[in-house]
N, C-alpha and C. Protein backbone atom coordinates (compact mmCIF):
# COMPACT_ATOMS: atom_id res chain seq x y z
N MET A 1 -30.65 12.83 -37.27
CA MET A 1 -29.61 11.83 -37.49
C MET A 1 -30.21 10.53 -38.02
N GLN A 2 -31.28 10.07 -37.38
CA GLN A 2 -31.92 8.84 -37.81
C GLN A 2 -32.51 9.01 -39.21
N THR A 3 -33.03 10.21 -39.49
CA THR A 3 -33.59 10.50 -40.81
C THR A 3 -32.50 10.42 -41.87
N ASP A 4 -31.29 10.92 -41.58
CA ASP A 4 -30.18 10.85 -42.53
C ASP A 4 -29.82 9.40 -42.84
N ALA A 5 -29.75 8.57 -41.81
CA ALA A 5 -29.41 7.15 -42.00
C ALA A 5 -30.48 6.47 -42.84
N ARG A 6 -31.74 6.77 -42.57
CA ARG A 6 -32.83 6.16 -43.33
C ARG A 6 -32.75 6.62 -44.79
N GLN A 7 -32.47 7.90 -45.01
CA GLN A 7 -32.38 8.41 -46.37
C GLN A 7 -31.25 7.75 -47.13
N LYS A 8 -30.09 7.55 -46.47
CA LYS A 8 -28.98 6.86 -47.12
C LYS A 8 -29.38 5.45 -47.53
N ARG A 9 -30.11 4.77 -46.64
CA ARG A 9 -30.57 3.41 -46.93
C ARG A 9 -31.50 3.42 -48.13
N LEU A 10 -32.45 4.37 -48.12
CA LEU A 10 -33.40 4.46 -49.23
C LEU A 10 -32.70 4.78 -50.53
N ASP A 11 -31.72 5.69 -50.48
CA ASP A 11 -30.95 6.04 -51.67
C ASP A 11 -30.18 4.83 -52.20
N ALA A 12 -29.58 4.06 -51.28
CA ALA A 12 -28.81 2.88 -51.69
C ALA A 12 -29.70 1.87 -52.40
N VAL A 13 -30.93 1.70 -51.91
CA VAL A 13 -31.85 0.76 -52.54
C VAL A 13 -32.37 1.33 -53.85
N SER A 14 -32.83 2.57 -53.84
CA SER A 14 -33.48 3.11 -55.02
C SER A 14 -32.53 3.33 -56.18
N THR A 15 -31.24 3.55 -55.91
CA THR A 15 -30.29 3.77 -56.99
C THR A 15 -29.57 2.49 -57.40
N HIS A 16 -29.86 1.40 -56.71
CA HIS A 16 -29.17 0.15 -57.03
C HIS A 16 -29.79 -0.51 -58.25
N PRO A 17 -28.97 -1.17 -59.08
CA PRO A 17 -29.49 -1.86 -60.27
C PRO A 17 -30.54 -2.92 -59.94
N LEU A 18 -30.59 -3.35 -58.70
CA LEU A 18 -31.59 -4.33 -58.29
C LEU A 18 -32.99 -3.83 -58.60
N VAL A 19 -33.23 -2.54 -58.36
CA VAL A 19 -34.55 -1.97 -58.61
C VAL A 19 -34.89 -2.10 -60.10
N GLU A 20 -33.90 -1.84 -60.97
CA GLU A 20 -34.10 -2.02 -62.41
C GLU A 20 -34.36 -3.48 -62.75
N LEU A 21 -33.56 -4.36 -62.15
CA LEU A 21 -33.68 -5.79 -62.41
C LEU A 21 -35.08 -6.28 -62.05
N LEU A 22 -35.57 -5.84 -60.92
CA LEU A 22 -36.86 -6.32 -60.45
C LEU A 22 -38.02 -5.71 -61.21
N ALA A 23 -37.82 -4.52 -61.75
CA ALA A 23 -38.85 -3.84 -62.54
C ALA A 23 -40.20 -3.88 -61.85
N CYS A 24 -40.22 -3.53 -60.59
CA CYS A 24 -41.45 -3.53 -59.81
C CYS A 24 -42.23 -2.25 -60.05
N PRO A 25 -43.55 -2.34 -59.90
CA PRO A 25 -44.33 -1.10 -59.93
C PRO A 25 -43.98 -0.26 -58.70
N PRO A 26 -44.25 1.03 -58.75
CA PRO A 26 -43.85 1.93 -57.66
C PRO A 26 -44.31 1.48 -56.27
N GLU A 27 -45.52 0.97 -56.14
CA GLU A 27 -46.01 0.58 -54.82
C GLU A 27 -45.22 -0.61 -54.26
N THR A 28 -44.80 -1.53 -55.11
CA THR A 28 -44.01 -2.68 -54.66
C THR A 28 -42.60 -2.22 -54.31
N SER A 29 -42.02 -1.37 -55.14
CA SER A 29 -40.69 -0.83 -54.84
C SER A 29 -40.70 -0.05 -53.53
N SER A 30 -41.76 0.72 -53.32
CA SER A 30 -41.88 1.49 -52.07
C SER A 30 -41.96 0.58 -50.87
N LEU A 31 -42.70 -0.51 -50.99
CA LEU A 31 -42.81 -1.48 -49.89
C LEU A 31 -41.44 -2.04 -49.55
N LEU A 32 -40.70 -2.48 -50.55
CA LEU A 32 -39.38 -3.07 -50.32
C LEU A 32 -38.39 -2.04 -49.78
N THR A 33 -38.45 -0.83 -50.33
CA THR A 33 -37.55 0.22 -49.89
C THR A 33 -37.82 0.59 -48.43
N ALA A 34 -39.08 0.70 -48.08
CA ALA A 34 -39.43 1.09 -46.71
C ALA A 34 -39.03 0.03 -45.69
N CYS A 35 -39.00 -1.23 -46.10
CA CYS A 35 -38.69 -2.32 -45.17
C CYS A 35 -37.20 -2.67 -45.14
N ALA A 36 -36.44 -2.18 -46.11
CA ALA A 36 -35.01 -2.54 -46.19
C ALA A 36 -34.28 -2.11 -44.93
N GLN A 37 -33.43 -3.00 -44.45
CA GLN A 37 -32.63 -2.72 -43.26
C GLN A 37 -31.16 -2.73 -43.63
N SER A 38 -30.46 -1.67 -43.30
CA SER A 38 -29.02 -1.59 -43.55
C SER A 38 -28.32 -2.15 -42.31
N ILE A 39 -27.46 -3.14 -42.52
CA ILE A 39 -26.77 -3.80 -41.41
C ILE A 39 -25.27 -3.75 -41.67
N SER A 40 -24.52 -3.27 -40.68
CA SER A 40 -23.06 -3.20 -40.79
C SER A 40 -22.45 -4.41 -40.09
N PHE A 41 -21.34 -4.88 -40.65
CA PHE A 41 -20.65 -6.05 -40.11
C PHE A 41 -19.16 -5.76 -39.98
N ALA A 42 -18.56 -6.28 -38.92
CA ALA A 42 -17.11 -6.22 -38.74
C ALA A 42 -16.52 -7.49 -39.35
N ALA A 43 -15.26 -7.44 -39.73
CA ALA A 43 -14.60 -8.65 -40.27
C ALA A 43 -14.76 -9.78 -39.27
N GLY A 44 -15.17 -10.93 -39.75
CA GLY A 44 -15.35 -12.11 -38.90
C GLY A 44 -16.77 -12.32 -38.41
N ASP A 45 -17.63 -11.30 -38.53
CA ASP A 45 -19.02 -11.45 -38.10
C ASP A 45 -19.75 -12.45 -38.99
N ILE A 46 -20.58 -13.24 -38.37
CA ILE A 46 -21.42 -14.19 -39.12
C ILE A 46 -22.74 -13.49 -39.43
N VAL A 47 -23.06 -13.39 -40.70
CA VAL A 47 -24.29 -12.76 -41.15
C VAL A 47 -25.46 -13.72 -40.94
N PHE A 48 -25.27 -14.96 -41.40
CA PHE A 48 -26.24 -16.03 -41.15
C PHE A 48 -25.51 -17.36 -41.24
N SER A 49 -26.13 -18.39 -40.69
CA SER A 49 -25.50 -19.72 -40.64
C SER A 49 -26.25 -20.73 -41.48
N GLN A 50 -25.50 -21.65 -42.05
CA GLN A 50 -26.07 -22.75 -42.83
C GLN A 50 -27.09 -23.48 -41.96
N SER A 51 -28.20 -23.83 -42.55
CA SER A 51 -29.32 -24.55 -41.92
C SER A 51 -30.16 -23.66 -41.01
N GLY A 52 -29.79 -22.39 -40.86
CA GLY A 52 -30.59 -21.46 -40.07
C GLY A 52 -31.76 -20.93 -40.89
N ALA A 53 -32.76 -20.42 -40.20
CA ALA A 53 -33.93 -19.86 -40.87
C ALA A 53 -33.55 -18.59 -41.62
N CYS A 54 -34.02 -18.47 -42.83
CA CYS A 54 -33.76 -17.30 -43.68
C CYS A 54 -34.66 -16.15 -43.23
N GLN A 55 -34.03 -15.03 -42.90
CA GLN A 55 -34.77 -13.84 -42.46
C GLN A 55 -35.09 -12.89 -43.61
N GLY A 56 -34.37 -13.04 -44.73
CA GLY A 56 -34.62 -12.15 -45.86
C GLY A 56 -33.55 -12.27 -46.92
N LEU A 57 -33.66 -11.44 -47.91
CA LEU A 57 -32.73 -11.39 -49.03
C LEU A 57 -31.70 -10.30 -48.75
N TYR A 58 -30.43 -10.62 -48.93
CA TYR A 58 -29.36 -9.67 -48.65
C TYR A 58 -28.77 -9.14 -49.95
N LEU A 59 -28.46 -7.86 -49.93
CA LEU A 59 -27.78 -7.21 -51.03
C LEU A 59 -26.51 -6.61 -50.46
N VAL A 60 -25.35 -7.05 -50.95
CA VAL A 60 -24.08 -6.53 -50.45
C VAL A 60 -23.90 -5.10 -50.96
N VAL A 61 -23.70 -4.17 -50.02
CA VAL A 61 -23.51 -2.76 -50.36
C VAL A 61 -22.02 -2.42 -50.36
N SER A 62 -21.30 -2.92 -49.35
CA SER A 62 -19.86 -2.66 -49.28
C SER A 62 -19.18 -3.83 -48.59
N GLY A 63 -17.88 -3.98 -48.82
CA GLY A 63 -17.12 -5.05 -48.20
C GLY A 63 -17.17 -6.34 -48.99
N GLN A 64 -16.56 -7.36 -48.40
CA GLN A 64 -16.54 -8.70 -49.00
C GLN A 64 -17.02 -9.70 -47.97
N PHE A 65 -17.83 -10.65 -48.42
CA PHE A 65 -18.42 -11.64 -47.55
C PHE A 65 -18.09 -13.04 -48.07
N LEU A 66 -17.60 -13.88 -47.20
CA LEU A 66 -17.17 -15.23 -47.55
C LEU A 66 -18.33 -16.20 -47.38
N LYS A 67 -18.55 -17.04 -48.40
CA LYS A 67 -19.59 -18.06 -48.35
C LYS A 67 -18.93 -19.40 -48.04
N ARG A 68 -19.35 -20.04 -46.94
CA ARG A 68 -18.81 -21.34 -46.55
C ARG A 68 -19.94 -22.32 -46.31
N ALA A 69 -19.66 -23.59 -46.57
CA ALA A 69 -20.66 -24.62 -46.34
C ALA A 69 -20.02 -25.89 -45.80
N GLU A 70 -20.80 -26.63 -45.08
CA GLU A 70 -20.40 -27.97 -44.64
C GLU A 70 -20.99 -28.94 -45.65
N ARG A 71 -20.14 -29.69 -46.29
CA ARG A 71 -20.57 -30.69 -47.28
C ARG A 71 -19.81 -31.98 -47.03
N LEU A 72 -20.53 -33.05 -46.81
CA LEU A 72 -19.91 -34.36 -46.59
C LEU A 72 -18.82 -34.29 -45.52
N SER A 73 -19.14 -33.69 -44.39
CA SER A 73 -18.23 -33.55 -43.25
C SER A 73 -16.98 -32.74 -43.56
N MET A 74 -17.04 -31.91 -44.57
CA MET A 74 -15.91 -31.04 -44.93
C MET A 74 -16.40 -29.61 -45.00
N ARG A 75 -15.55 -28.67 -44.62
CA ARG A 75 -15.86 -27.25 -44.76
C ARG A 75 -15.38 -26.81 -46.14
N VAL A 76 -16.28 -26.26 -46.92
CA VAL A 76 -15.98 -25.85 -48.29
C VAL A 76 -16.20 -24.35 -48.42
N THR A 77 -15.24 -23.65 -49.01
CA THR A 77 -15.41 -22.24 -49.30
C THR A 77 -16.02 -22.13 -50.69
N LEU A 78 -17.19 -21.50 -50.77
CA LEU A 78 -17.92 -21.40 -52.03
C LEU A 78 -17.57 -20.17 -52.83
N GLY A 79 -17.00 -19.17 -52.19
CA GLY A 79 -16.62 -17.95 -52.91
C GLY A 79 -16.82 -16.73 -52.05
N ILE A 80 -16.65 -15.57 -52.69
CA ILE A 80 -16.78 -14.29 -52.01
C ILE A 80 -17.89 -13.49 -52.68
N SER A 81 -18.74 -12.87 -51.86
CA SER A 81 -19.76 -11.96 -52.36
C SER A 81 -19.24 -10.54 -52.25
N ARG A 82 -19.46 -9.79 -53.30
CA ARG A 82 -18.96 -8.41 -53.39
C ARG A 82 -20.12 -7.43 -53.54
N PRO A 83 -19.84 -6.13 -53.43
CA PRO A 83 -20.92 -5.15 -53.57
C PRO A 83 -21.72 -5.34 -54.85
N GLY A 84 -23.03 -5.22 -54.69
CA GLY A 84 -23.95 -5.38 -55.82
C GLY A 84 -24.53 -6.77 -55.95
N GLU A 85 -24.01 -7.73 -55.20
CA GLU A 85 -24.50 -9.10 -55.31
C GLU A 85 -25.65 -9.37 -54.36
N LEU A 86 -26.63 -10.11 -54.87
CA LEU A 86 -27.71 -10.63 -54.04
C LEU A 86 -27.21 -11.90 -53.37
N VAL A 87 -27.56 -12.08 -52.11
CA VAL A 87 -27.04 -13.22 -51.36
C VAL A 87 -28.18 -14.10 -50.88
N GLU A 88 -28.06 -15.38 -51.15
CA GLU A 88 -28.95 -16.44 -50.68
C GLU A 88 -30.34 -16.41 -51.31
N LEU A 89 -30.35 -16.24 -52.62
CA LEU A 89 -31.62 -16.34 -53.36
C LEU A 89 -32.26 -17.70 -53.18
N ALA A 90 -31.45 -18.75 -53.12
CA ALA A 90 -31.99 -20.10 -53.00
C ALA A 90 -32.84 -20.25 -51.74
N ALA A 91 -32.39 -19.70 -50.63
CA ALA A 91 -33.15 -19.80 -49.38
C ALA A 91 -34.43 -18.99 -49.45
N VAL A 92 -34.36 -17.79 -50.03
CA VAL A 92 -35.53 -16.92 -50.13
C VAL A 92 -36.60 -17.55 -51.01
N LEU A 93 -36.18 -18.14 -52.12
CA LEU A 93 -37.12 -18.69 -53.09
C LEU A 93 -37.49 -20.15 -52.81
N GLY A 94 -36.71 -20.79 -51.93
CA GLY A 94 -36.96 -22.20 -51.64
C GLY A 94 -37.64 -22.40 -50.30
N ASP A 95 -37.02 -23.23 -49.48
CA ASP A 95 -37.64 -23.61 -48.21
C ASP A 95 -37.26 -22.71 -47.04
N ARG A 96 -36.64 -21.57 -47.34
CA ARG A 96 -36.28 -20.55 -46.34
C ARG A 96 -35.29 -21.06 -45.29
N VAL A 97 -34.40 -21.94 -45.73
CA VAL A 97 -33.32 -22.43 -44.87
C VAL A 97 -32.01 -22.12 -45.60
N HIS A 98 -31.06 -21.50 -44.89
CA HIS A 98 -29.81 -21.12 -45.53
C HIS A 98 -29.00 -22.35 -45.96
N THR A 99 -28.45 -22.26 -47.17
CA THR A 99 -27.69 -23.37 -47.74
C THR A 99 -26.19 -23.25 -47.45
N TYR A 100 -25.76 -22.12 -46.91
CA TYR A 100 -24.37 -21.91 -46.54
C TYR A 100 -24.30 -20.85 -45.43
N THR A 101 -23.11 -20.67 -44.88
CA THR A 101 -22.86 -19.65 -43.87
C THR A 101 -22.20 -18.46 -44.56
N LEU A 102 -22.64 -17.25 -44.21
CA LEU A 102 -22.06 -16.04 -44.77
C LEU A 102 -21.32 -15.30 -43.66
N ILE A 103 -20.03 -15.03 -43.91
CA ILE A 103 -19.15 -14.40 -42.92
C ILE A 103 -18.54 -13.14 -43.53
N ALA A 104 -18.53 -12.06 -42.77
CA ALA A 104 -17.89 -10.83 -43.26
C ALA A 104 -16.38 -11.07 -43.33
N HIS A 105 -15.84 -11.01 -44.53
CA HIS A 105 -14.40 -11.18 -44.74
C HIS A 105 -13.67 -9.87 -44.44
N THR A 106 -14.32 -8.77 -44.76
CA THR A 106 -13.83 -7.42 -44.45
C THR A 106 -15.00 -6.68 -43.80
N PRO A 107 -14.75 -5.55 -43.18
CA PRO A 107 -15.90 -4.77 -42.70
C PRO A 107 -16.80 -4.44 -43.89
N GLY A 108 -18.10 -4.48 -43.68
CA GLY A 108 -18.99 -4.21 -44.79
C GLY A 108 -20.41 -3.95 -44.34
N THR A 109 -21.24 -3.68 -45.32
CA THR A 109 -22.65 -3.38 -45.08
C THR A 109 -23.49 -4.16 -46.08
N ALA A 110 -24.64 -4.61 -45.62
CA ALA A 110 -25.59 -5.28 -46.49
C ALA A 110 -26.98 -4.72 -46.22
N LEU A 111 -27.79 -4.68 -47.26
CA LEU A 111 -29.20 -4.35 -47.10
C LEU A 111 -29.95 -5.66 -47.01
N MET A 112 -30.85 -5.76 -46.04
CA MET A 112 -31.65 -6.96 -45.91
C MET A 112 -33.10 -6.61 -46.18
N LEU A 113 -33.68 -7.31 -47.15
CA LEU A 113 -35.10 -7.16 -47.45
C LEU A 113 -35.81 -8.29 -46.71
N PRO A 114 -36.57 -7.97 -45.66
CA PRO A 114 -37.20 -9.00 -44.83
C PRO A 114 -38.11 -9.94 -45.63
N ILE A 115 -38.11 -11.19 -45.24
CA ILE A 115 -38.86 -12.22 -45.96
C ILE A 115 -40.35 -11.90 -46.03
N ASP A 116 -40.92 -11.33 -44.96
CA ASP A 116 -42.35 -10.99 -44.99
C ASP A 116 -42.65 -9.93 -46.04
N ALA A 117 -41.79 -8.93 -46.16
CA ALA A 117 -41.98 -7.89 -47.17
C ALA A 117 -41.83 -8.49 -48.58
N LEU A 118 -40.87 -9.40 -48.73
CA LEU A 118 -40.70 -10.06 -50.04
C LEU A 118 -41.94 -10.87 -50.40
N GLN A 119 -42.50 -11.57 -49.44
CA GLN A 119 -43.71 -12.36 -49.71
C GLN A 119 -44.86 -11.46 -50.14
N GLN A 120 -45.00 -10.30 -49.47
CA GLN A 120 -46.04 -9.34 -49.87
C GLN A 120 -45.76 -8.84 -51.29
N ALA A 121 -44.49 -8.57 -51.58
CA ALA A 121 -44.13 -8.10 -52.92
C ALA A 121 -44.41 -9.17 -53.97
N PHE A 122 -44.14 -10.44 -53.64
CA PHE A 122 -44.43 -11.53 -54.58
C PHE A 122 -45.93 -11.60 -54.87
N GLN A 123 -46.74 -11.36 -53.84
CA GLN A 123 -48.20 -11.41 -54.04
C GLN A 123 -48.71 -10.22 -54.84
N SER A 124 -48.16 -9.04 -54.56
CA SER A 124 -48.64 -7.85 -55.28
C SER A 124 -48.08 -7.74 -56.69
N HIS A 125 -46.92 -8.35 -56.91
CA HIS A 125 -46.28 -8.29 -58.24
C HIS A 125 -45.63 -9.64 -58.54
N PRO A 126 -46.41 -10.64 -58.98
CA PRO A 126 -45.89 -12.00 -59.21
C PRO A 126 -44.65 -12.10 -60.11
N PRO A 127 -44.45 -11.21 -61.11
CA PRO A 127 -43.24 -11.33 -61.92
C PRO A 127 -41.94 -11.15 -61.12
N LEU A 128 -42.02 -10.55 -59.94
CA LEU A 128 -40.84 -10.38 -59.10
C LEU A 128 -40.21 -11.72 -58.77
N ARG A 129 -41.02 -12.70 -58.40
CA ARG A 129 -40.49 -14.04 -58.09
C ARG A 129 -39.78 -14.61 -59.32
N MET A 130 -40.35 -14.44 -60.49
CA MET A 130 -39.74 -14.96 -61.72
C MET A 130 -38.42 -14.26 -61.99
N HIS A 131 -38.35 -12.95 -61.80
CA HIS A 131 -37.09 -12.22 -62.00
C HIS A 131 -36.01 -12.77 -61.06
N LEU A 132 -36.38 -13.03 -59.82
CA LEU A 132 -35.39 -13.55 -58.86
C LEU A 132 -35.00 -14.99 -59.20
N LEU A 133 -35.94 -15.78 -59.70
CA LEU A 133 -35.60 -17.15 -60.13
C LEU A 133 -34.63 -17.10 -61.32
N GLU A 134 -34.83 -16.17 -62.23
CA GLU A 134 -33.92 -16.01 -63.36
C GLU A 134 -32.53 -15.63 -62.87
N GLU A 135 -32.46 -14.73 -61.89
CA GLU A 135 -31.17 -14.33 -61.32
C GLU A 135 -30.50 -15.51 -60.64
N LEU A 136 -31.27 -16.33 -59.92
CA LEU A 136 -30.72 -17.52 -59.28
C LEU A 136 -30.17 -18.48 -60.33
N ALA A 137 -30.87 -18.65 -61.43
CA ALA A 137 -30.39 -19.53 -62.50
C ALA A 137 -29.06 -19.02 -63.06
N ARG A 138 -28.94 -17.71 -63.24
CA ARG A 138 -27.68 -17.15 -63.73
C ARG A 138 -26.56 -17.37 -62.71
N GLU A 139 -26.88 -17.22 -61.43
CA GLU A 139 -25.89 -17.43 -60.37
C GLU A 139 -25.40 -18.88 -60.36
N VAL A 140 -26.31 -19.82 -60.49
CA VAL A 140 -25.95 -21.23 -60.51
C VAL A 140 -25.11 -21.54 -61.75
N SER A 141 -25.49 -20.97 -62.88
CA SER A 141 -24.74 -21.18 -64.11
C SER A 141 -23.31 -20.64 -63.99
N ARG A 142 -23.16 -19.44 -63.42
CA ARG A 142 -21.82 -18.86 -63.23
C ARG A 142 -20.98 -19.75 -62.33
N ALA A 143 -21.56 -20.22 -61.24
CA ALA A 143 -20.83 -21.07 -60.31
C ALA A 143 -20.42 -22.37 -60.99
N TYR A 144 -21.29 -22.91 -61.81
CA TYR A 144 -21.00 -24.15 -62.51
C TYR A 144 -19.83 -23.97 -63.47
N HIS A 145 -19.83 -22.86 -64.19
CA HIS A 145 -18.74 -22.60 -65.15
C HIS A 145 -17.43 -22.30 -64.44
N ILE A 146 -17.49 -21.57 -63.33
CA ILE A 146 -16.29 -21.26 -62.57
C ILE A 146 -15.66 -22.52 -61.99
N SER A 147 -16.50 -23.48 -61.63
CA SER A 147 -15.99 -24.72 -61.02
C SER A 147 -15.22 -25.57 -62.02
N GLY A 148 -15.30 -25.25 -63.30
CA GLY A 148 -14.60 -26.03 -64.31
C GLY A 148 -15.45 -27.16 -64.88
N ARG A 149 -16.61 -27.34 -64.31
CA ARG A 149 -17.49 -28.41 -64.79
C ARG A 149 -18.35 -27.93 -65.95
N GLY A 150 -18.31 -26.65 -66.22
CA GLY A 150 -19.14 -26.09 -67.27
C GLY A 150 -18.55 -26.22 -68.66
N HIS A 151 -17.42 -26.91 -68.76
CA HIS A 151 -16.77 -27.08 -70.05
C HIS A 151 -16.65 -28.57 -70.36
N PRO A 152 -17.76 -29.20 -70.73
CA PRO A 152 -17.71 -30.63 -71.00
C PRO A 152 -16.85 -30.93 -72.22
N ARG A 153 -16.31 -32.13 -72.21
CA ARG A 153 -15.54 -32.54 -73.38
C ARG A 153 -16.48 -32.60 -74.58
N GLN A 154 -15.91 -32.56 -75.74
CA GLN A 154 -16.72 -32.60 -76.95
C GLN A 154 -17.49 -33.91 -77.02
N LEU A 155 -18.64 -33.85 -77.67
CA LEU A 155 -19.40 -35.07 -77.91
C LEU A 155 -18.99 -35.64 -79.26
N SER A 156 -18.89 -36.95 -79.31
CA SER A 156 -18.61 -37.58 -80.60
C SER A 156 -19.90 -37.57 -81.41
N LEU A 157 -19.82 -37.98 -82.65
CA LEU A 157 -21.00 -37.97 -83.53
C LEU A 157 -22.11 -38.87 -82.99
N ASP A 158 -21.76 -39.92 -82.26
CA ASP A 158 -22.80 -40.82 -81.75
C ASP A 158 -23.36 -40.34 -80.40
N GLY A 159 -22.93 -39.14 -79.93
CA GLY A 159 -23.50 -38.55 -78.73
C GLY A 159 -22.79 -38.90 -77.45
N ARG A 160 -21.75 -39.75 -77.52
CA ARG A 160 -21.03 -40.11 -76.30
C ARG A 160 -19.95 -39.08 -76.03
N ARG A 161 -19.67 -38.90 -74.73
CA ARG A 161 -18.59 -37.98 -74.38
C ARG A 161 -17.27 -38.60 -74.75
N GLY A 162 -16.40 -37.75 -75.23
CA GLY A 162 -15.08 -38.23 -75.59
C GLY A 162 -14.20 -37.09 -76.03
N ALA A 163 -12.93 -37.38 -76.09
CA ALA A 163 -11.98 -36.34 -76.48
C ALA A 163 -11.85 -36.26 -77.99
N GLY A 164 -12.30 -37.29 -78.65
CA GLY A 164 -12.09 -37.34 -80.10
C GLY A 164 -13.13 -36.55 -80.87
N GLN A 165 -12.88 -36.41 -82.11
CA GLN A 165 -13.81 -35.76 -83.03
C GLN A 165 -14.27 -36.77 -84.04
N GLY A 166 -15.20 -37.58 -83.70
CA GLY A 166 -15.45 -38.67 -84.58
C GLY A 166 -16.57 -38.66 -85.40
């Protein structure tokens, strides 16, 4: 029974596009696959909390997870994470402190790649960190465009922002 669960976890990791994205050599992929932990959550469960220590990188396998943050004494909903999304790249690649709280919106499952295994993978295959930084940049860019701030008004000929075409 335990072998079946482990095999499902390994299959979920090895067949996920993340493996393609990371383009790791076999030994690095094997390290990450062997350390991956499949965690199930019920609706309402807190996966991790803002300002808490980052334990690893999460990959949503099933369900929906709500991202919330405290900003300027206000609770802000940042969005929903869906299957296939990497969660909290900023904490993994930065100071290892979560920047928001992740809550299971529906029952779901996530794979967690422990921070120690990721650090070993970064050392054995340095391009992995760069691939994840590129993914984080895309994530930030998407969030910026979704927020409506990604569509600046046209610039006039003298370089100032304005509505005109001058």
